[in-house]
All heavy atoms as atom14 arrays in JSON, in Angstrom:
{
  "sequence": "GKQNAVFLRYETKFENGSFVRGKVTGANLRGTYQG",
  "atom14_mask": [
    [1, 1, 1, 1, 0, 0, 0, 0, 0, 0, 0, 0, 0, 0],
    [1, 1, 1, 1, 1, 1, 1, 1, 1, 0, 0, 0, 0, 0],
    [1, 1, 1, 1, 1, 1, 1, 1, 1, 0, 0, 0, 0, 0],
    [1, 1, 1, 1, 1, 1, 1, 1, 0, 0, 0, 0, 0, 0],
    [1, 1, 1, 1, 1, 0, 0, 0, 0, 0, 0, 0, 0, 0],
    [1, 1, 1, 1, 1, 1, 1, 0, 0, 0, 0, 0, 0, 0],
    [1, 1, 1, 1, 1, 1, 1, 1, 1, 1, 1, 0, 0, 0],
    [1, 1, 1, 1, 1, 1, 1, 1, 0, 0, 0, 0, 0, 0],
    [1, 1, 1, 1, 1, 1, 1, 1, 1, 1, 1, 0, 0, 0],
    [1, 1, 1, 1, 1, 1, 1, 1, 1, 1, 1, 1, 0, 0],
    [1, 1, 1, 1, 1, 1, 1, 1, 1, 0, 0, 0, 0, 0],
    [1, 1, 1, 1, 1, 1, 1, 0, 0, 0, 0, 0, 0, 0],
    [1, 1, 1, 1, 1, 1, 1, 1, 1, 0, 0, 0, 0, 0],
    [1, 1, 1, 1, 1, 1, 1, 1, 1, 1, 1, 0, 0, 0],
    [1, 1, 1, 1, 1, 1, 1, 1, 1, 0, 0, 0, 0, 0],
    [1, 1, 1, 1, 1, 1, 1, 1, 0, 0, 0, 0, 0, 0],
    [1, 1, 1, 1, 0, 0, 0, 0, 0, 0, 0, 0, 0, 0],
    [1, 1, 1, 1, 1, 1, 0, 0, 0, 0, 0, 0, 0, 0],
    [1, 1, 1, 1, 1, 1, 1, 1, 1, 1, 1, 0, 0, 0],
    [1, 1, 1, 1, 1, 1, 1, 0, 0, 0, 0, 0, 0, 0],
    [1, 1, 1, 1, 1, 1, 1, 1, 1, 1, 1, 0, 0, 0],
    [1, 1, 1, 1, 0, 0, 0, 0, 0, 0, 0, 0, 0, 0],
    [1, 1, 1, 1, 1, 1, 1, 1, 1, 0, 0, 0, 0, 0],
    [1, 1, 1, 1, 1, 1, 1, 0, 0, 0, 0, 0, 0, 0],
    [1, 1, 1, 1, 1, 1, 1, 0, 0, 0, 0, 0, 0, 0],
    [1, 1, 1, 1, 0, 0, 0, 0, 0, 0, 0, 0, 0, 0],
    [1, 1, 1, 1, 1, 0, 0, 0, 0, 0, 0, 0, 0, 0],
    [1, 1, 1, 1, 1, 1, 1, 1, 0, 0, 0, 0, 0, 0],
    [1, 1, 1, 1, 1, 1, 1, 1, 0, 0, 0, 0, 0, 0],
    [1, 1, 1, 1, 1, 1, 1, 1, 1, 1, 1, 0, 0, 0],
    [1, 1, 1, 1, 0, 0, 0, 0, 0, 0, 0, 0, 0, 0],
    [1, 1, 1, 1, 1, 1, 1, 0, 0, 0, 0, 0, 0, 0],
    [1, 1, 1, 1, 1, 1, 1, 1, 1, 1, 1, 1, 0, 0],
    [1, 1, 1, 1, 1, 1, 1, 1, 1, 0, 0, 0, 0, 0],
    [1, 1, 1, 1, 0, 0, 0, 0, 0, 0, 0, 0, 0, 0]
  ],
  "atom14_positions": [
    [[1.41, -2.24, 15.23], [1.22, -2.37, 16.75], [0.04, -1.66, 17.23], [-0.36, -1.86, 18.39], [0.0, 0.0, 0.0], [0.0, 0.0, 0.0], [0.0, 0.0, 0.0], [0.0, 0.0, 0.0], [0.0, 0.0, 0.0], [0.0, 0.0, 0.0], [0.0, 0.0, 0.0], [0.0, 0.0, 0.0], [0.0, 0.0, 0.0], [0.0, 0.0, 0.0]],
    [[-0.59, -0.73, 16.48], [-1.75, -0.01, 16.95], [-2.99, -0.7, 16.39], [-4.12, -0.1, 16.46], [-1.76, 1.44, 16.4], [-0.59, 2.2, 17.15], [-0.45, 3.66, 16.63], [0.7, 4.42, 17.31], [0.75, 5.85, 16.86], [0.0, 0.0, 0.0], [0.0, 0.0, 0.0], [0.0, 0.0, 0.0], [0.0, 0.0, 0.0], [0.0, 0.0, 0.0]],
    [[-3.05, -1.84, 15.88], [-3.99, -2.59, 15.33], [-4.63, -1.92, 14.0], [-5.78, -1.93, 13.79], [-5.05, -2.95, 16.27], [-5.94, -4.08, 15.93], [-6.99, -4.49, 16.97], [-6.54, -4.84, 18.09], [-8.34, -4.37, 16.63], [0.0, 0.0, 0.0], [0.0, 0.0, 0.0], [0.0, 0.0, 0.0], [0.0, 0.0, 0.0], [0.0, 0.0, 0.0]],
    [[-3.75, -1.18, 13.35], [-4.19, -0.69, 12.05], [-3.99, -1.63, 10.91], [-3.01, -2.4, 10.96], [-3.29, 0.63, 11.76], [-3.59, 1.79, 12.62], [-4.75, 2.17, 12.82], [-2.58, 2.46, 13.03], [0.0, 0.0, 0.0], [0.0, 0.0, 0.0], [0.0, 0.0, 0.0], [0.0, 0.0, 0.0], [0.0, 0.0, 0.0], [0.0, 0.0, 0.0]],
    [[-4.88, -1.67, 10.0], [-4.62, -2.4, 8.78], [-3.69, -1.46, 7.91], [-3.96, -0.35, 7.73], [-5.9, -2.66, 8.0], [0.0, 0.0, 0.0], [0.0, 0.0, 0.0], [0.0, 0.0, 0.0], [0.0, 0.0, 0.0], [0.0, 0.0, 0.0], [0.0, 0.0, 0.0], [0.0, 0.0, 0.0], [0.0, 0.0, 0.0], [0.0, 0.0, 0.0]],
    [[-2.53, -2.1, 7.62], [-1.56, -1.29, 6.8], [-1.56, -1.75, 5.39], [-1.35, -2.98, 5.03], [-0.11, -1.59, 7.32], [0.8, -0.76, 6.65], [-0.09, -1.08, 8.82], [0.0, 0.0, 0.0], [0.0, 0.0, 0.0], [0.0, 0.0, 0.0], [0.0, 0.0, 0.0], [0.0, 0.0, 0.0], [0.0, 0.0, 0.0], [0.0, 0.0, 0.0]],
    [[-1.89, -0.87, 4.39], [-1.9, -1.17, 2.96], [-0.73, -0.47, 2.28], [-0.65, 0.81, 2.23], [-3.2, -0.64, 2.35], [-4.49, -1.24, 2.97], [-5.04, -0.71, 4.05], [-5.05, -2.38, 2.43], [-6.33, -1.24, 4.61], [-6.22, -2.83, 2.92], [-6.8, -2.3, 4.03], [0.0, 0.0, 0.0], [0.0, 0.0, 0.0], [0.0, 0.0, 0.0]],
    [[0.2, -1.17, 1.78], [1.45, -0.61, 1.33], [1.27, -0.02, -0.19], [0.6, -0.67, -0.99], [2.52, -1.67, 1.22], [3.11, -2.14, 2.55], [4.18, -3.2, 2.37], [3.62, -0.99, 3.4], [0.0, 0.0, 0.0], [0.0, 0.0, 0.0], [0.0, 0.0, 0.0], [0.0, 0.0, 0.0], [0.0, 0.0, 0.0], [0.0, 0.0, 0.0]],
    [[1.77, 1.14, -0.3], [1.73, 1.84, -1.64], [2.99, 1.67, -2.27], [4.15, 1.79, -1.64], [1.4, 3.29, -1.34], [0.14, 3.57, -0.58], [0.08, 5.02, -0.06], [0.04, 5.97, -1.11], [-1.02, 6.61, -1.41], [-2.23, 6.46, -0.75], [-1.07, 7.46, -2.4], [0.0, 0.0, 0.0], [0.0, 0.0, 0.0], [0.0, 0.0, 0.0]],
    [[2.91, 1.47, -3.59], [4.22, 1.3, -4.42], [4.35, 2.23, -5.6], [3.31, 2.72, -6.17], [4.08, -0.11, -4.96], [4.41, -1.23, -4.04], [3.5, -1.68, -3.2], [5.67, -1.88, -3.96], [3.67, -2.74, -2.3], [5.89, -2.86, -3.08], [4.96, -3.34, -2.22], [5.18, -4.39, -1.39], [0.0, 0.0, 0.0], [0.0, 0.0, 0.0]],
    [[5.62, 2.56, -5.87], [5.83, 3.21, -7.12], [5.29, 2.35, -8.28], [5.45, 1.14, -8.2], [7.44, 3.38, -7.23], [7.89, 3.99, -8.54], [9.49, 3.88, -8.61], [9.98, 3.13, -7.97], [9.91, 4.6, -9.46], [0.0, 0.0, 0.0], [0.0, 0.0, 0.0], [0.0, 0.0, 0.0], [0.0, 0.0, 0.0], [0.0, 0.0, 0.0]],
    [[4.65, 2.93, -9.12], [3.99, 2.16, -10.23], [4.45, 2.62, -11.64], [4.35, 3.8, -11.94], [2.44, 2.37, -10.12], [2.05, 1.81, -8.85], [1.72, 1.54, -11.23], [0.0, 0.0, 0.0], [0.0, 0.0, 0.0], [0.0, 0.0, 0.0], [0.0, 0.0, 0.0], [0.0, 0.0, 0.0], [0.0, 0.0, 0.0], [0.0, 0.0, 0.0]],
    [[4.87, 1.54, -12.43], [5.34, 1.83, -13.85], [4.43, 1.07, -14.78], [3.75, 0.04, -14.37], [6.76, 1.35, -13.93], [7.74, 2.07, -12.97], [9.17, 1.41, -13.12], [10.1, 2.07, -12.11], [11.45, 1.52, -12.23], [0.0, 0.0, 0.0], [0.0, 0.0, 0.0], [0.0, 0.0, 0.0], [0.0, 0.0, 0.0], [0.0, 0.0, 0.0]],
    [[4.41, 1.47, -15.96], [3.71, 0.77, -17.06], [4.69, 0.13, -17.95], [5.48, 0.82, -18.6], [2.8, 1.66, -17.88], [1.93, 0.96, -18.89], [0.77, 0.28, -18.58], [2.27, 0.93, -20.19], [-0.03, -0.37, -19.5], [1.55, 0.35, -21.17], [0.42, -0.35, -20.81], [0.0, 0.0, 0.0], [0.0, 0.0, 0.0], [0.0, 0.0, 0.0]],
    [[4.7, -1.23, -17.93], [5.77, -1.93, -18.76], [5.04, -3.23, -19.33], [4.29, -3.92, -18.73], [6.87, -2.48, -17.92], [7.73, -1.3, -17.27], [8.81, -1.82, -16.48], [8.98, -3.03, -16.3], [9.62, -1.04, -15.91], [0.0, 0.0, 0.0], [0.0, 0.0, 0.0], [0.0, 0.0, 0.0], [0.0, 0.0, 0.0], [0.0, 0.0, 0.0]],
    [[5.27, -3.32, -20.65], [4.82, -4.51, -21.3], [3.3, -4.77, -21.19], [2.75, -5.81, -20.97], [5.49, -5.84, -20.88], [6.91, -5.71, -21.06], [7.45, -5.3, -22.13], [7.77, -6.11, -20.13], [0.0, 0.0, 0.0], [0.0, 0.0, 0.0], [0.0, 0.0, 0.0], [0.0, 0.0, 0.0], [0.0, 0.0, 0.0], [0.0, 0.0, 0.0]],
    [[2.54, -3.6, -21.3], [1.16, -3.65, -21.25], [0.42, -3.77, -19.87], [-0.7, -3.98, -19.8], [0.0, 0.0, 0.0], [0.0, 0.0, 0.0], [0.0, 0.0, 0.0], [0.0, 0.0, 0.0], [0.0, 0.0, 0.0], [0.0, 0.0, 0.0], [0.0, 0.0, 0.0], [0.0, 0.0, 0.0], [0.0, 0.0, 0.0], [0.0, 0.0, 0.0]],
    [[1.23, -3.65, -18.84], [0.6, -3.86, -17.5], [1.26, -2.99, -16.47], [2.33, -2.32, -16.74], [0.85, -5.34, -17.02], [0.03, -5.53, -15.81], [0.0, 0.0, 0.0], [0.0, 0.0, 0.0], [0.0, 0.0, 0.0], [0.0, 0.0, 0.0], [0.0, 0.0, 0.0], [0.0, 0.0, 0.0], [0.0, 0.0, 0.0], [0.0, 0.0, 0.0]],
    [[0.79, -2.84, -15.3], [1.31, -2.14, -14.19], [2.38, -3.02, -13.56], [2.16, -4.17, -13.44], [0.27, -1.8, -13.24], [-0.51, -0.5, -13.55], [-0.38, 0.08, -14.72], [-1.49, -0.04, -12.69], [-1.19, 1.19, -15.22], [-2.25, 1.15, -13.04], [-2.08, 1.68, -14.29], [0.0, 0.0, 0.0], [0.0, 0.0, 0.0], [0.0, 0.0, 0.0]],
    [[3.53, -2.45, -13.07], [4.66, -3.15, -12.43], [4.88, -2.34, -11.1], [5.07, -1.1, -11.23], [5.84, -3.23, -13.35], [6.91, -3.83, -12.6], [5.45, -4.0, -14.63], [0.0, 0.0, 0.0], [0.0, 0.0, 0.0], [0.0, 0.0, 0.0], [0.0, 0.0, 0.0], [0.0, 0.0, 0.0], [0.0, 0.0, 0.0], [0.0, 0.0, 0.0]],
    [[5.1, -2.97, -10.04], [5.48, -2.3, -8.76], [6.99, -2.17, -8.64], [7.77, -2.99, -9.05], [5.07, -3.2, -7.6], [3.58, -3.26, -7.36], [3.06, -4.06, -6.13], [1.69, -4.09, -5.98], [0.93, -4.94, -6.47], [1.59, -6.14, -7.02], [-0.36, -5.1, -6.32], [0.0, 0.0, 0.0], [0.0, 0.0, 0.0], [0.0, 0.0, 0.0]],
    [[7.37, -0.92, -8.25], [8.7, -0.59, -7.92], [8.86, -0.67, -6.47], [8.4, -1.57, -5.86], [0.0, 0.0, 0.0], [0.0, 0.0, 0.0], [0.0, 0.0, 0.0], [0.0, 0.0, 0.0], [0.0, 0.0, 0.0], [0.0, 0.0, 0.0], [0.0, 0.0, 0.0], [0.0, 0.0, 0.0], [0.0, 0.0, 0.0], [0.0, 0.0, 0.0]],
    [[9.52, 0.36, -5.94], [9.85, 0.32, -4.46], [8.51, 0.75, -3.65], [7.67, 1.48, -4.15], [10.97, 1.34, -4.1], [10.59, 2.73, -4.39], [11.81, 3.64, -4.09], [11.5, 5.17, -4.45], [12.6, 6.04, -4.15], [0.0, 0.0, 0.0], [0.0, 0.0, 0.0], [0.0, 0.0, 0.0], [0.0, 0.0, 0.0], [0.0, 0.0, 0.0]],
    [[8.59, 0.28, -2.42], [7.52, 0.85, -1.48], [7.74, 2.31, -1.2], [8.82, 2.79, -0.79], [7.55, -0.01, -0.15], [6.46, 0.5, 0.85], [7.38, -1.47, -0.45], [0.0, 0.0, 0.0], [0.0, 0.0, 0.0], [0.0, 0.0, 0.0], [0.0, 0.0, 0.0], [0.0, 0.0, 0.0], [0.0, 0.0, 0.0], [0.0, 0.0, 0.0]],
    [[6.74, 3.08, -1.28], [6.76, 4.51, -1.15], [5.94, 5.05, 0.0], [6.15, 6.22, 0.4], [6.32, 5.26, -2.37], [4.89, 4.97, -2.72], [7.14, 4.79, -3.69], [0.0, 0.0, 0.0], [0.0, 0.0, 0.0], [0.0, 0.0, 0.0], [0.0, 0.0, 0.0], [0.0, 0.0, 0.0], [0.0, 0.0, 0.0], [0.0, 0.0, 0.0]],
    [[4.94, 4.3, 0.55], [4.12, 4.82, 1.7], [3.13, 3.71, 2.01], [3.24, 2.53, 1.67], [0.0, 0.0, 0.0], [0.0, 0.0, 0.0], [0.0, 0.0, 0.0], [0.0, 0.0, 0.0], [0.0, 0.0, 0.0], [0.0, 0.0, 0.0], [0.0, 0.0, 0.0], [0.0, 0.0, 0.0], [0.0, 0.0, 0.0], [0.0, 0.0, 0.0]],
    [[2.23, 4.19, 2.9], [1.28, 3.17, 3.39], [-0.09, 3.93, 3.74], [0.02, 4.97, 4.38], [1.78, 2.41, 4.6], [0.0, 0.0, 0.0], [0.0, 0.0, 0.0], [0.0, 0.0, 0.0], [0.0, 0.0, 0.0], [0.0, 0.0, 0.0], [0.0, 0.0, 0.0], [0.0, 0.0, 0.0], [0.0, 0.0, 0.0], [0.0, 0.0, 0.0]],
    [[-1.21, 3.39, 3.45], [-2.52, 3.77, 4.06], [-2.78, 2.96, 5.34], [-2.43, 1.73, 5.36], [-3.68, 3.49, 2.99], [-3.68, 4.33, 1.75], [-2.83, 4.1, 0.88], [-4.5, 5.3, 1.88], [0.0, 0.0, 0.0], [0.0, 0.0, 0.0], [0.0, 0.0, 0.0], [0.0, 0.0, 0.0], [0.0, 0.0, 0.0], [0.0, 0.0, 0.0]],
    [[-3.27, 3.73, 6.28], [-3.67, 2.99, 7.55], [-5.17, 3.16, 7.81], [-5.76, 4.22, 7.56], [-2.93, 3.8, 8.73], [-1.34, 3.94, 8.63], [-0.82, 4.63, 9.77], [-0.7, 2.53, 8.47], [0.0, 0.0, 0.0], [0.0, 0.0, 0.0], [0.0, 0.0, 0.0], [0.0, 0.0, 0.0], [0.0, 0.0, 0.0], [0.0, 0.0, 0.0]],
    [[-5.7, 2.09, 8.3], [-7.08, 2.07, 8.64], [-7.25, 1.34, 10.05], [-6.91, 0.23, 10.18], [-7.93, 1.18, 7.67], [-9.47, 1.06, 7.93], [-9.99, 2.55, 7.87], [-11.49, 2.5, 7.84], [-12.25, 2.68, 8.93], [-11.66, 2.73, 10.11], [-13.55, 2.8, 8.82], [0.0, 0.0, 0.0], [0.0, 0.0, 0.0], [0.0, 0.0, 0.0]],
    [[-7.86, 2.19, 10.99], [-7.95, 1.64, 12.31], [-8.99, 0.56, 12.4], [-10.07, 0.6, 11.66], [0.0, 0.0, 0.0], [0.0, 0.0, 0.0], [0.0, 0.0, 0.0], [0.0, 0.0, 0.0], [0.0, 0.0, 0.0], [0.0, 0.0, 0.0], [0.0, 0.0, 0.0], [0.0, 0.0, 0.0], [0.0, 0.0, 0.0], [0.0, 0.0, 0.0]],
    [[-8.89, -0.44, 13.22], [-9.77, -1.53, 13.3], [-10.32, -1.79, 14.66], [-11.09, -2.79, 14.85], [-9.08, -2.79, 12.71], [-8.08, -3.22, 13.57], [-8.54, -2.61, 11.29], [0.0, 0.0, 0.0], [0.0, 0.0, 0.0], [0.0, 0.0, 0.0], [0.0, 0.0, 0.0], [0.0, 0.0, 0.0], [0.0, 0.0, 0.0], [0.0, 0.0, 0.0]],
    [[-9.89, -1.04, 15.64], [-10.54, -1.16, 16.94], [-11.97, -0.89, 16.89], [-12.42, -0.1, 15.99], [-9.93, -0.2, 18.05], [-8.49, -0.74, 18.59], [-7.33, -0.11, 18.26], [-8.51, -1.8, 19.37], [-6.16, -0.54, 18.77], [-7.33, -2.3, 19.88], [-6.08, -1.59, 19.66], [-4.85, -2.07, 20.14], [0.0, 0.0, 0.0], [0.0, 0.0, 0.0]],
    [[-12.8, -1.49, 17.71], [-14.16, -1.31, 17.64], [-14.52, 0.21, 17.8], [-14.08, 0.81, 18.74], [-14.9, -2.13, 18.86], [-16.4, -2.12, 18.77], [-17.06, -2.98, 19.77], [-16.38, -3.57, 20.52], [-18.44, -3.04, 19.67], [0.0, 0.0, 0.0], [0.0, 0.0, 0.0], [0.0, 0.0, 0.0], [0.0, 0.0, 0.0], [0.0, 0.0, 0.0]],
    [[-15.31, 0.72, 16.95], [-15.77, 2.02, 17.05], [-14.66, 3.09, 16.4], [-14.96, 4.25, 16.36], [0.0, 0.0, 0.0], [0.0, 0.0, 0.0], [0.0, 0.0, 0.0], [0.0, 0.0, 0.0], [0.0, 0.0, 0.0], [0.0, 0.0, 0.0], [0.0, 0.0, 0.0], [0.0, 0.0, 0.0], [0.0, 0.0, 0.0], [0.0, 0.0, 0.0]]
  ]
}
């Protein structure tokens, strides 16, 4: 609602040779209003 870009962060595991996402644990926010 504040016009932030929200990038979700996930619990990360290594399984079968690759990364696998678990539960959502947080978020990065980036403001996008002019200036």
